[in-house]
């Protein structure tokens, strides 16, 4: 019997996309048996102030980074969307497009889950998708503020159920210590941090003089 199709969603500014993002995506794909993982770069993020690098450039860097990886695709809807990017709007759109059958799995880092109650309409996310978050060990409810603790207590599962949405699960990934701020600072100094960036992404950054202290971002 063929199981329910699982579509993972990994959002972020990807400013720039780096090895930590790719490690998170691979860990989620492998642990949760995800069939397709969509990278969803933000257009205008309502939470983060960006580096000044435009959405089109960030989108292209994601395309470059994931192009060799089967099952990884780019979803540019938030870049095309006018106004601020809200995850709930993306989930509603995807559910309308894909119908009720596929499982949508919103992939989060542990810090994102901890801050989930600050998200726009966070309490509606599980109507449209599962949430899968990384953990570096056994998660404890004491990690979370009361609203997130309540969500985990009510919806936490040991594994993804055969359902299109509604569960919170945790998966492990090896630590990949990457600070996006420190990475941008290195790029601004003209360094070539190949251990942190896919080679094609670094080539794109250098060709377009992105993140350089002596050049305007485009």
N, C-alpha and C. Protein backbone atom coordinates (compact mmCIF):
# COMPACT_ATOMS: atom_id res chain seq x y z
N UNK A 1 0.85 -1.20 0.00
CA UNK A 1 0.00 0.00 0.00
C UNK A 1 0.88 1.25 0.00
N UNK A 2 0.61 2.15 -0.92
CA UNK A 2 1.37 3.39 -1.01
C UNK A 2 0.87 4.34 0.06
N UNK A 3 1.80 4.91 0.85
CA UNK A 3 1.41 5.81 1.92
C UNK A 3 1.06 7.19 1.42
N UNK A 4 0.59 7.99 2.32
CA UNK A 4 0.22 9.37 2.03
C UNK A 4 1.48 10.15 1.63
N UNK A 5 1.40 10.94 0.58
CA UNK A 5 2.53 11.75 0.14
C UNK A 5 2.86 12.80 1.20
N UNK A 6 4.15 12.96 1.49
CA UNK A 6 4.60 13.93 2.49
C UNK A 6 5.41 15.02 1.81
N UNK A 7 4.98 16.25 2.00
CA UNK A 7 5.64 17.41 1.42
C UNK A 7 6.17 18.27 2.56
N UNK A 8 7.48 18.40 2.62
CA UNK A 8 8.11 19.23 3.65
C UNK A 8 8.25 20.66 3.19
N UNK A 9 8.19 21.58 4.14
CA UNK A 9 8.31 23.02 3.86
C UNK A 9 9.35 23.60 4.79
N UNK A 10 10.38 24.19 4.21
CA UNK A 10 11.44 24.83 4.99
C UNK A 10 11.52 26.29 4.57
N UNK A 11 11.03 27.17 5.42
CA UNK A 11 11.03 28.59 5.11
C UNK A 11 12.21 29.30 5.76
N UNK A 12 12.46 30.52 5.30
CA UNK A 12 13.53 31.32 5.88
C UNK A 12 13.96 32.42 4.94
N UNK A 13 14.76 33.32 5.46
CA UNK A 13 15.30 34.37 4.59
C UNK A 13 16.39 33.82 3.68
N UNK A 14 17.11 32.79 4.14
CA UNK A 14 18.22 32.21 3.36
C UNK A 14 19.15 33.33 2.88
N UNK A 15 19.73 34.02 3.84
CA UNK A 15 20.45 35.27 3.58
C UNK A 15 21.91 35.20 4.06
N UNK A 16 22.73 34.34 3.42
CA UNK A 16 22.46 33.44 2.30
C UNK A 16 22.15 32.03 2.79
N UNK A 17 21.69 31.17 1.89
CA UNK A 17 21.55 29.76 2.22
C UNK A 17 22.92 29.17 2.51
N UNK A 18 23.01 28.32 3.54
CA UNK A 18 24.32 27.78 3.93
C UNK A 18 24.19 26.30 4.30
N UNK A 19 25.31 25.70 4.71
CA UNK A 19 25.33 24.26 4.97
C UNK A 19 24.40 23.87 6.11
N UNK A 20 24.14 24.78 7.05
CA UNK A 20 23.21 24.47 8.13
C UNK A 20 21.80 24.25 7.63
N UNK A 21 21.36 25.09 6.69
CA UNK A 21 20.03 24.91 6.10
C UNK A 21 19.93 23.56 5.39
N UNK A 22 20.98 23.22 4.63
CA UNK A 22 20.95 21.97 3.88
C UNK A 22 20.98 20.76 4.80
N UNK A 23 21.74 20.86 5.90
CA UNK A 23 21.79 19.76 6.86
C UNK A 23 20.43 19.56 7.52
N UNK A 24 19.75 20.66 7.86
CA UNK A 24 18.42 20.57 8.45
C UNK A 24 17.45 19.91 7.48
N UNK A 25 17.51 20.32 6.21
CA UNK A 25 16.61 19.75 5.21
C UNK A 25 16.85 18.26 5.02
N UNK A 26 18.11 17.86 4.94
CA UNK A 26 18.42 16.44 4.76
C UNK A 26 17.99 15.62 5.97
N UNK A 27 18.23 16.15 7.17
CA UNK A 27 17.84 15.42 8.38
C UNK A 27 16.33 15.23 8.44
N UNK A 28 15.58 16.27 8.09
CA UNK A 28 14.12 16.15 8.08
C UNK A 28 13.65 15.15 7.04
N UNK A 29 14.22 15.25 5.85
CA UNK A 29 13.84 14.32 4.77
C UNK A 29 14.05 12.87 5.19
N UNK A 30 15.22 12.60 5.76
CA UNK A 30 15.56 11.22 6.10
C UNK A 30 14.76 10.71 7.30
N UNK A 31 14.61 11.56 8.32
CA UNK A 31 13.93 11.11 9.55
C UNK A 31 12.43 10.95 9.35
N UNK A 32 11.86 11.79 8.50
CA UNK A 32 10.40 11.84 8.37
C UNK A 32 9.90 11.22 7.07
N UNK A 33 10.82 10.69 6.26
CA UNK A 33 10.47 10.06 4.98
C UNK A 33 9.66 11.02 4.11
N UNK A 34 10.21 12.20 3.95
CA UNK A 34 9.56 13.24 3.15
C UNK A 34 9.81 12.98 1.67
N UNK A 35 8.76 13.06 0.87
CA UNK A 35 8.87 12.79 -0.57
C UNK A 35 9.42 13.98 -1.34
N UNK A 36 9.00 15.17 -0.96
CA UNK A 36 9.45 16.39 -1.62
C UNK A 36 9.64 17.46 -0.56
N UNK A 37 10.78 18.13 -0.60
CA UNK A 37 11.02 19.20 0.37
C UNK A 37 11.13 20.52 -0.37
N UNK A 38 10.23 21.43 -0.02
CA UNK A 38 10.18 22.74 -0.67
C UNK A 38 10.86 23.79 0.19
N UNK A 39 11.82 24.47 -0.38
CA UNK A 39 12.44 25.63 0.26
C UNK A 39 11.59 26.85 -0.11
N UNK A 40 11.19 27.61 0.91
CA UNK A 40 10.27 28.73 0.70
C UNK A 40 10.94 30.01 1.20
N UNK A 41 11.73 30.68 0.35
CA UNK A 41 12.36 31.93 0.79
C UNK A 41 11.33 33.01 1.05
N UNK A 42 11.55 33.78 2.10
CA UNK A 42 10.64 34.88 2.40
C UNK A 42 10.86 36.03 1.42
N UNK A 43 9.79 36.76 1.17
CA UNK A 43 9.90 37.98 0.40
C UNK A 43 10.23 39.11 1.35
N UNK A 44 9.19 39.73 1.89
CA UNK A 44 9.36 40.72 2.95
C UNK A 44 9.02 40.04 4.26
N UNK A 45 10.03 39.71 5.05
CA UNK A 45 9.78 39.06 6.33
C UNK A 45 9.24 40.07 7.33
N UNK A 46 8.20 39.67 8.08
CA UNK A 46 7.64 40.58 9.09
C UNK A 46 8.47 40.56 10.36
N UNK A 47 9.37 39.57 10.53
CA UNK A 47 10.15 39.47 11.76
C UNK A 47 11.57 39.97 11.62
N UNK A 48 12.23 39.68 10.49
CA UNK A 48 13.65 39.96 10.37
C UNK A 48 13.90 41.19 9.50
N UNK A 49 14.92 41.94 9.88
CA UNK A 49 15.44 42.97 9.00
C UNK A 49 16.60 42.34 8.24
N UNK A 50 16.59 42.45 6.94
CA UNK A 50 17.56 41.72 6.13
C UNK A 50 18.88 42.45 5.98
N UNK A 51 19.76 41.81 5.22
CA UNK A 51 21.09 42.35 4.98
C UNK A 51 21.06 43.42 3.91
N UNK A 52 19.95 43.55 3.20
CA UNK A 52 19.89 44.43 2.05
C UNK A 52 19.98 43.67 0.75
N UNK A 53 20.33 42.39 0.79
CA UNK A 53 20.35 41.57 -0.42
C UNK A 53 18.91 41.28 -0.83
N UNK A 54 18.59 41.54 -2.08
CA UNK A 54 17.22 41.45 -2.54
C UNK A 54 16.69 40.03 -2.58
N UNK A 55 15.35 39.93 -2.62
CA UNK A 55 14.71 38.62 -2.62
C UNK A 55 15.07 37.80 -3.85
N UNK A 56 15.22 38.46 -5.00
CA UNK A 56 15.55 37.72 -6.23
C UNK A 56 16.91 37.05 -6.11
N UNK A 57 17.87 37.73 -5.51
CA UNK A 57 19.20 37.14 -5.33
C UNK A 57 19.17 36.00 -4.33
N UNK A 58 18.43 36.18 -3.24
CA UNK A 58 18.33 35.10 -2.25
C UNK A 58 17.66 33.87 -2.86
N UNK A 59 16.63 34.11 -3.66
CA UNK A 59 15.93 33.01 -4.33
C UNK A 59 16.88 32.27 -5.26
N UNK A 60 17.67 32.99 -6.03
CA UNK A 60 18.59 32.36 -6.96
C UNK A 60 19.66 31.55 -6.23
N UNK A 61 20.12 32.04 -5.08
CA UNK A 61 21.11 31.28 -4.31
C UNK A 61 20.52 29.96 -3.81
N UNK A 62 19.24 29.98 -3.43
CA UNK A 62 18.60 28.73 -3.02
C UNK A 62 18.53 27.77 -4.20
N UNK A 63 18.15 28.27 -5.36
CA UNK A 63 18.08 27.42 -6.55
C UNK A 63 19.43 26.77 -6.83
N UNK A 64 20.48 27.56 -6.75
CA UNK A 64 21.83 27.04 -7.01
C UNK A 64 22.18 25.96 -5.99
N UNK A 65 21.90 26.22 -4.72
CA UNK A 65 22.31 25.31 -3.65
C UNK A 65 21.63 23.96 -3.74
N UNK A 66 20.35 23.94 -4.11
CA UNK A 66 19.61 22.68 -4.05
C UNK A 66 19.50 21.98 -5.40
N UNK A 67 19.98 22.61 -6.47
CA UNK A 67 19.80 22.03 -7.80
C UNK A 67 20.37 20.62 -7.94
N UNK A 68 21.47 20.25 -7.25
CA UNK A 68 21.96 18.87 -7.42
C UNK A 68 21.24 17.84 -6.56
N UNK A 69 20.30 18.24 -5.71
CA UNK A 69 19.74 17.35 -4.70
C UNK A 69 18.33 16.91 -5.11
N UNK A 70 18.18 15.63 -5.39
CA UNK A 70 16.89 15.10 -5.81
C UNK A 70 15.86 15.28 -4.70
N UNK A 71 14.66 15.70 -5.10
CA UNK A 71 13.57 15.86 -4.14
C UNK A 71 13.52 17.20 -3.46
N UNK A 72 14.52 18.06 -3.68
CA UNK A 72 14.51 19.42 -3.12
C UNK A 72 14.10 20.38 -4.22
N UNK A 73 13.12 21.23 -3.95
CA UNK A 73 12.63 22.19 -4.94
C UNK A 73 12.45 23.55 -4.28
N UNK A 74 12.35 24.58 -5.10
CA UNK A 74 12.12 25.94 -4.62
C UNK A 74 10.66 26.31 -4.84
N UNK A 75 10.07 26.95 -3.84
CA UNK A 75 8.72 27.50 -3.94
C UNK A 75 8.86 29.00 -3.74
N UNK A 76 8.57 29.77 -4.79
CA UNK A 76 8.85 31.22 -4.75
C UNK A 76 7.63 32.06 -4.40
N UNK A 77 6.58 31.46 -3.87
CA UNK A 77 5.32 32.19 -3.67
C UNK A 77 5.48 33.37 -2.71
N UNK A 78 6.32 33.24 -1.67
CA UNK A 78 6.45 34.34 -0.71
C UNK A 78 7.26 35.49 -1.30
N UNK A 79 8.17 35.19 -2.21
CA UNK A 79 8.90 36.25 -2.92
C UNK A 79 7.94 37.00 -3.84
N UNK A 80 7.03 36.27 -4.48
CA UNK A 80 6.08 36.91 -5.39
C UNK A 80 4.96 37.63 -4.66
N UNK A 81 4.72 37.28 -3.42
CA UNK A 81 3.59 37.84 -2.67
C UNK A 81 3.87 39.29 -2.29
N UNK A 82 2.89 40.15 -2.48
CA UNK A 82 3.03 41.54 -2.05
C UNK A 82 2.84 41.62 -0.54
N UNK A 83 3.62 42.46 0.10
CA UNK A 83 3.48 42.65 1.54
C UNK A 83 4.28 41.64 2.33
N UNK A 84 4.03 41.61 3.63
CA UNK A 84 4.79 40.76 4.53
C UNK A 84 4.49 39.28 4.29
N UNK A 85 5.47 38.43 4.61
CA UNK A 85 5.34 36.99 4.43
C UNK A 85 4.89 36.34 5.74
N UNK A 86 3.74 35.69 5.70
CA UNK A 86 3.25 34.96 6.86
C UNK A 86 3.12 33.48 6.51
N UNK A 87 3.65 32.63 7.36
CA UNK A 87 3.60 31.19 7.10
C UNK A 87 2.18 30.68 6.99
N UNK A 88 1.27 31.21 7.80
CA UNK A 88 -0.11 30.73 7.76
C UNK A 88 -0.72 30.94 6.38
N UNK A 89 -0.41 32.06 5.72
CA UNK A 89 -0.94 32.32 4.39
C UNK A 89 -0.40 31.30 3.38
N UNK A 90 0.88 30.98 3.52
CA UNK A 90 1.49 29.99 2.63
C UNK A 90 0.84 28.62 2.81
N UNK A 91 0.60 28.22 4.05
CA UNK A 91 -0.03 26.93 4.29
C UNK A 91 -1.45 26.88 3.75
N UNK A 92 -2.20 27.95 3.92
CA UNK A 92 -3.57 27.99 3.40
C UNK A 92 -3.56 27.87 1.88
N UNK A 93 -2.65 28.60 1.22
CA UNK A 93 -2.54 28.52 -0.24
C UNK A 93 -2.19 27.10 -0.69
N UNK A 94 -1.19 26.52 -0.05
CA UNK A 94 -0.76 25.18 -0.45
C UNK A 94 -1.86 24.14 -0.25
N UNK A 95 -2.56 24.24 0.86
CA UNK A 95 -3.63 23.27 1.11
C UNK A 95 -4.73 23.41 0.05
N UNK A 96 -5.03 24.65 -0.35
CA UNK A 96 -6.03 24.86 -1.39
C UNK A 96 -5.56 24.28 -2.73
N UNK A 97 -4.27 24.42 -3.03
CA UNK A 97 -3.73 23.92 -4.29
C UNK A 97 -3.62 22.40 -4.31
N UNK A 98 -3.16 21.82 -3.22
CA UNK A 98 -2.83 20.40 -3.20
C UNK A 98 -3.99 19.52 -2.76
N UNK A 99 -4.99 20.12 -2.15
CA UNK A 99 -6.13 19.34 -1.69
C UNK A 99 -5.90 18.76 -0.31
N UNK A 100 -6.86 17.99 0.19
CA UNK A 100 -6.82 17.53 1.58
C UNK A 100 -5.94 16.32 1.82
N UNK A 101 -5.47 15.65 0.78
CA UNK A 101 -4.82 14.34 0.98
C UNK A 101 -3.35 14.41 1.41
N UNK A 102 -2.47 15.17 0.75
CA UNK A 102 -1.06 15.11 1.11
C UNK A 102 -0.81 15.62 2.53
N UNK A 103 0.20 15.07 3.17
CA UNK A 103 0.65 15.59 4.45
C UNK A 103 1.62 16.74 4.19
N UNK A 104 1.34 17.89 4.78
CA UNK A 104 2.28 19.01 4.75
C UNK A 104 3.04 19.00 6.07
N UNK A 105 4.35 19.16 5.99
CA UNK A 105 5.21 19.09 7.18
C UNK A 105 6.05 20.35 7.24
N UNK A 106 5.74 21.22 8.18
CA UNK A 106 6.49 22.46 8.37
C UNK A 106 7.73 22.15 9.20
N UNK A 107 8.90 22.30 8.62
CA UNK A 107 10.17 21.95 9.27
C UNK A 107 10.72 23.18 9.97
N UNK A 108 11.00 23.05 11.26
CA UNK A 108 11.49 24.16 12.06
C UNK A 108 12.76 23.78 12.80
N UNK A 109 13.64 24.75 12.98
CA UNK A 109 14.72 24.59 13.93
C UNK A 109 14.18 24.72 15.34
N UNK A 110 14.96 24.28 16.32
CA UNK A 110 14.48 24.29 17.70
C UNK A 110 14.17 25.70 18.19
N UNK A 111 14.95 26.70 17.76
CA UNK A 111 14.68 28.07 18.18
C UNK A 111 13.38 28.59 17.58
N UNK A 112 13.09 28.18 16.37
CA UNK A 112 11.84 28.62 15.75
C UNK A 112 10.63 28.07 16.50
N UNK A 113 10.70 26.82 16.92
CA UNK A 113 9.58 26.28 17.69
C UNK A 113 9.45 27.01 19.03
N UNK A 114 10.57 27.29 19.65
CA UNK A 114 10.53 27.98 20.94
C UNK A 114 9.84 29.34 20.81
N UNK A 115 10.01 29.99 19.66
CA UNK A 115 9.43 31.32 19.45
C UNK A 115 8.11 31.28 18.68
N UNK A 116 7.52 30.12 18.56
CA UNK A 116 6.36 29.96 17.68
C UNK A 116 5.20 30.86 18.07
N UNK A 117 5.02 31.13 19.35
CA UNK A 117 3.88 31.93 19.79
C UNK A 117 3.96 33.38 19.33
N UNK A 118 5.12 33.81 18.81
CA UNK A 118 5.23 35.16 18.26
C UNK A 118 4.80 35.21 16.79
N UNK A 119 4.55 34.06 16.19
CA UNK A 119 4.18 34.01 14.78
C UNK A 119 2.73 34.44 14.59
N UNK A 120 2.44 35.02 13.46
CA UNK A 120 1.09 35.44 13.10
C UNK A 120 0.17 34.21 13.01
N UNK A 121 -0.89 34.21 13.81
CA UNK A 121 -1.90 33.14 13.80
C UNK A 121 -1.25 31.76 14.01
N UNK A 122 -0.29 31.72 14.92
CA UNK A 122 0.45 30.48 15.15
C UNK A 122 -0.45 29.32 15.56
N UNK A 123 -1.54 29.65 16.25
CA UNK A 123 -2.41 28.59 16.76
C UNK A 123 -3.27 27.95 15.67
N UNK A 124 -3.17 28.46 14.43
CA UNK A 124 -3.91 27.87 13.32
C UNK A 124 -3.04 26.99 12.42
N UNK A 125 -1.73 27.01 12.64
CA UNK A 125 -0.82 26.31 11.73
C UNK A 125 -1.14 24.82 11.61
N UNK A 126 -1.48 24.20 12.75
CA UNK A 126 -1.70 22.76 12.75
C UNK A 126 -3.00 22.34 12.07
N UNK A 127 -3.84 23.29 11.72
CA UNK A 127 -5.02 22.95 10.92
C UNK A 127 -4.61 22.52 9.51
N UNK A 128 -3.46 23.03 9.06
CA UNK A 128 -3.06 22.85 7.67
C UNK A 128 -1.82 21.98 7.50
N UNK A 129 -1.04 21.79 8.55
CA UNK A 129 0.23 21.07 8.42
C UNK A 129 0.61 20.42 9.75
N UNK A 130 1.51 19.47 9.67
CA UNK A 130 2.24 19.02 10.85
C UNK A 130 3.40 19.98 11.09
N UNK A 131 3.95 19.95 12.28
CA UNK A 131 5.18 20.68 12.60
C UNK A 131 6.22 19.66 13.02
N UNK A 132 7.40 19.74 12.40
CA UNK A 132 8.52 18.87 12.76
C UNK A 132 9.69 19.76 13.15
N UNK A 133 10.18 19.59 14.37
CA UNK A 133 11.24 20.47 14.89
C UNK A 133 12.45 19.65 15.31
N UNK A 134 13.61 20.24 15.16
CA UNK A 134 14.84 19.57 15.56
C UNK A 134 14.96 19.57 17.08
N UNK A 135 15.68 18.59 17.57
CA UNK A 135 16.03 18.54 18.98
C UNK A 135 17.43 17.98 19.11
N UNK A 136 18.17 18.50 20.07
CA UNK A 136 19.53 17.99 20.30
C UNK A 136 19.53 16.91 21.37
N UNK A 137 18.38 16.55 21.85
CA UNK A 137 18.24 15.52 22.86
C UNK A 137 16.78 15.35 23.16
N UNK A 138 16.45 14.70 24.25
CA UNK A 138 15.05 14.55 24.62
C UNK A 138 14.46 15.92 24.92
N UNK A 139 13.38 16.28 24.22
CA UNK A 139 12.79 17.59 24.45
C UNK A 139 12.05 17.59 25.78
N UNK A 140 12.01 18.74 26.40
CA UNK A 140 11.29 18.91 27.66
C UNK A 140 10.31 20.06 27.50
N UNK A 141 9.12 19.88 28.03
CA UNK A 141 8.13 20.95 27.92
C UNK A 141 8.60 22.22 28.60
N UNK A 142 9.47 22.09 29.60
CA UNK A 142 9.96 23.28 30.30
C UNK A 142 10.77 24.19 29.40
N UNK A 143 11.18 23.68 28.23
CA UNK A 143 11.92 24.50 27.28
C UNK A 143 11.06 25.64 26.74
N UNK A 144 9.76 25.46 26.73
CA UNK A 144 8.89 26.33 25.97
C UNK A 144 8.06 27.24 26.87
N UNK A 145 7.69 28.40 26.32
CA UNK A 145 6.73 29.24 27.01
C UNK A 145 5.37 28.54 27.01
N UNK A 146 4.48 29.04 27.87
CA UNK A 146 3.21 28.35 28.10
C UNK A 146 2.41 28.06 26.82
N UNK A 147 2.27 29.00 25.87
CA UNK A 147 1.45 28.68 24.70
C UNK A 147 2.03 27.54 23.87
N UNK A 148 3.35 27.53 23.68
CA UNK A 148 3.97 26.46 22.90
C UNK A 148 3.96 25.15 23.68
N UNK A 149 4.19 25.24 24.98
CA UNK A 149 4.10 24.05 25.84
C UNK A 149 2.74 23.39 25.71
N UNK A 150 1.69 24.22 25.67
CA UNK A 150 0.34 23.67 25.55
C UNK A 150 0.14 22.98 24.20
N UNK A 151 0.69 23.58 23.13
CA UNK A 151 0.57 22.96 21.82
C UNK A 151 1.29 21.61 21.78
N UNK A 152 2.51 21.57 22.32
CA UNK A 152 3.28 20.33 22.32
C UNK A 152 2.58 19.26 23.16
N UNK A 153 2.04 19.68 24.30
CA UNK A 153 1.34 18.72 25.16
C UNK A 153 0.11 18.14 24.46
N UNK A 154 -0.59 18.97 23.70
CA UNK A 154 -1.83 18.52 23.06
C UNK A 154 -1.58 17.77 21.76
N UNK A 155 -0.52 18.15 21.03
CA UNK A 155 -0.35 17.63 19.67
C UNK A 155 0.94 16.85 19.46
N UNK A 156 1.80 16.76 20.47
CA UNK A 156 3.06 16.05 20.32
C UNK A 156 2.84 14.56 20.08
N UNK A 157 3.61 14.00 19.14
CA UNK A 157 3.54 12.58 18.82
C UNK A 157 4.96 12.03 18.70
N UNK A 158 5.08 10.72 18.86
CA UNK A 158 6.38 10.07 18.70
C UNK A 158 6.79 10.00 17.24
N UNK A 159 5.81 9.91 16.34
CA UNK A 159 6.08 9.82 14.90
C UNK A 159 4.94 10.49 14.16
N UNK A 160 5.19 10.86 12.91
CA UNK A 160 4.12 11.46 12.11
C UNK A 160 2.99 10.46 11.91
N UNK A 161 1.77 10.84 12.20
CA UNK A 161 0.63 9.95 11.95
C UNK A 161 0.26 9.95 10.48
N UNK A 162 -0.56 9.00 10.08
CA UNK A 162 -1.07 8.96 8.72
C UNK A 162 -2.24 9.93 8.61
N UNK A 163 -1.89 11.21 8.61
CA UNK A 163 -2.89 12.28 8.56
C UNK A 163 -2.26 13.45 7.82
N UNK A 164 -3.08 14.32 7.25
CA UNK A 164 -2.52 15.44 6.48
C UNK A 164 -1.95 16.56 7.32
N UNK A 165 -2.33 16.65 8.60
CA UNK A 165 -1.92 17.78 9.43
C UNK A 165 -2.23 17.44 10.89
N UNK A 166 -1.75 18.31 11.80
CA UNK A 166 -2.22 18.25 13.17
C UNK A 166 -1.28 17.76 14.23
N UNK A 167 -0.09 17.25 13.87
CA UNK A 167 0.83 16.69 14.87
C UNK A 167 2.10 17.53 14.98
N UNK A 168 2.72 17.47 16.15
CA UNK A 168 4.06 18.03 16.37
C UNK A 168 4.99 16.86 16.67
N UNK A 169 6.06 16.75 15.90
CA UNK A 169 7.05 15.69 16.13
C UNK A 169 8.44 16.31 16.20
N UNK A 170 9.36 15.55 16.74
CA UNK A 170 10.74 16.00 16.88
C UNK A 170 11.67 15.02 16.17
N UNK A 171 12.74 15.55 15.61
CA UNK A 171 13.74 14.70 14.97
C UNK A 171 15.13 15.25 15.30
N UNK A 172 16.09 14.36 15.27
CA UNK A 172 17.45 14.75 15.61
C UNK A 172 18.26 15.07 14.36
N UNK A 173 19.21 15.96 14.52
CA UNK A 173 20.18 16.22 13.46
C UNK A 173 21.52 16.52 14.11
N UNK A 174 22.61 16.20 13.44
CA UNK A 174 23.92 16.52 14.01
C UNK A 174 24.09 18.03 14.09
N UNK A 175 24.77 18.52 15.11
CA UNK A 175 24.97 19.97 15.23
C UNK A 175 25.80 20.51 14.08
N UNK A 176 25.32 21.60 13.50
CA UNK A 176 26.05 22.30 12.43
C UNK A 176 26.13 23.76 12.86
N UNK A 177 27.20 24.14 13.55
CA UNK A 177 27.26 25.49 14.12
C UNK A 177 27.56 26.55 13.06
N UNK A 178 26.51 27.17 12.56
CA UNK A 178 26.66 28.24 11.58
C UNK A 178 25.89 29.45 12.08
N UNK A 179 26.56 30.57 12.21
CA UNK A 179 25.91 31.84 12.52
C UNK A 179 25.79 32.63 11.23
N UNK A 180 24.54 32.91 10.81
CA UNK A 180 24.35 33.66 9.58
C UNK A 180 24.97 35.05 9.68
N UNK A 181 24.87 35.66 10.86
CA UNK A 181 25.47 36.99 11.04
C UNK A 181 26.97 36.93 10.87
N UNK A 182 27.62 35.96 11.52
CA UNK A 182 29.07 35.82 11.39
C UNK A 182 29.47 35.49 9.96
N UNK A 183 28.65 34.69 9.28
CA UNK A 183 28.93 34.36 7.89
C UNK A 183 28.89 35.60 7.02
N UNK A 184 27.87 36.44 7.20
CA UNK A 184 27.80 37.67 6.41
C UNK A 184 28.96 38.61 6.72
N UNK A 185 29.40 38.62 7.97
CA UNK A 185 30.55 39.46 8.33
C UNK A 185 31.81 38.98 7.62
N UNK A 186 31.99 37.67 7.53
CA UNK A 186 33.14 37.14 6.81
C UNK A 186 33.08 37.48 5.33
N UNK A 187 31.89 37.37 4.75
CA UNK A 187 31.73 37.73 3.35
C UNK A 187 32.00 39.22 3.13
N UNK A 188 31.58 40.05 4.07
CA UNK A 188 31.81 41.50 3.96
C UNK A 188 33.30 41.82 3.95
N UNK A 189 34.09 40.98 4.61
CA UNK A 189 35.55 41.19 4.64
C UNK A 189 36.23 40.58 3.43
N UNK A 190 35.46 40.00 2.54
CA UNK A 190 36.04 39.41 1.35
C UNK A 190 36.57 38.00 1.54
N UNK A 191 36.23 37.35 2.66
CA UNK A 191 36.67 35.98 2.89
C UNK A 191 35.87 35.00 2.02
N UNK A 192 36.39 33.77 1.91
CA UNK A 192 35.76 32.73 1.08
C UNK A 192 35.43 31.52 1.97
N UNK A 193 34.35 31.57 2.73
CA UNK A 193 34.04 30.49 3.67
C UNK A 193 33.42 29.27 2.98
N UNK A 194 34.23 28.56 2.22
CA UNK A 194 33.73 27.41 1.46
C UNK A 194 33.24 26.28 2.35
N UNK A 195 33.69 26.26 3.61
CA UNK A 195 33.21 25.21 4.51
C UNK A 195 31.76 25.46 4.95
N UNK A 196 31.25 26.66 4.70
CA UNK A 196 29.90 27.03 5.15
C UNK A 196 28.91 27.23 4.01
N UNK A 197 29.41 27.34 2.79
CA UNK A 197 28.55 27.65 1.64
C UNK A 197 28.79 26.65 0.52
N UNK A 198 27.73 26.25 -0.19
CA UNK A 198 27.95 25.50 -1.43
C UNK A 198 28.80 26.33 -2.39
N UNK A 199 29.67 25.67 -3.13
CA UNK A 199 30.60 26.39 -4.00
C UNK A 199 29.87 27.28 -5.00
N UNK A 200 28.76 26.78 -5.56
CA UNK A 200 28.02 27.58 -6.53
C UNK A 200 27.43 28.83 -5.93
N UNK A 201 27.02 28.76 -4.67
CA UNK A 201 26.48 29.93 -3.98
C UNK A 201 27.58 30.96 -3.75
N UNK A 202 28.75 30.50 -3.31
CA UNK A 202 29.86 31.44 -3.11
C UNK A 202 30.25 32.09 -4.43
N UNK A 203 30.27 31.33 -5.51
CA UNK A 203 30.59 31.91 -6.82
C UNK A 203 29.58 33.00 -7.18
N UNK A 204 28.29 32.74 -6.92
CA UNK A 204 27.25 33.73 -7.23
C UNK A 204 27.45 34.99 -6.39
N UNK A 205 27.74 34.81 -5.10
CA UNK A 205 27.96 35.95 -4.21
C UNK A 205 29.12 36.79 -4.70
N UNK A 206 30.20 36.14 -5.08
CA UNK A 206 31.38 36.89 -5.53
C UNK A 206 31.14 37.56 -6.87
N UNK A 207 30.44 36.89 -7.75
CA UNK A 207 30.19 37.45 -9.08
C UNK A 207 29.32 38.70 -8.99
N UNK A 208 28.37 38.70 -8.05
CA UNK A 208 27.45 39.84 -7.92
C UNK A 208 27.84 40.77 -6.77
N UNK A 209 28.97 40.51 -6.15
CA UNK A 209 29.51 41.35 -5.08
C UNK A 209 28.48 41.56 -3.96
N UNK A 210 27.83 40.47 -3.57
CA UNK A 210 26.85 40.53 -2.49
C UNK A 210 27.56 40.50 -1.15
N UNK A 211 26.96 41.17 -0.18
CA UNK A 211 27.43 41.20 1.22
C UNK A 211 28.76 41.93 1.39
N UNK A 212 29.32 42.47 0.35
CA UNK A 212 30.60 43.15 0.47
C UNK A 212 30.41 44.50 1.15
N UNK A 213 31.32 44.84 2.05
CA UNK A 213 31.24 46.13 2.75
C UNK A 213 31.45 47.29 1.80
N UNK A 214 32.14 47.03 0.67
CA UNK A 214 32.48 48.12 -0.25
C UNK A 214 31.57 48.14 -1.48
N UNK A 215 30.42 47.45 -1.39
CA UNK A 215 29.53 47.40 -2.55
C UNK A 215 28.09 47.43 -2.07
N UNK A 216 27.21 48.01 -2.86
CA UNK A 216 25.79 48.01 -2.56
C UNK A 216 25.20 46.65 -2.89
N UNK A 217 24.40 46.10 -1.96
CA UNK A 217 23.72 44.82 -2.23
C UNK A 217 22.64 45.03 -3.27
N UNK A 218 22.39 43.99 -4.07
CA UNK A 218 21.37 44.08 -5.11
C UNK A 218 20.30 43.04 -4.90
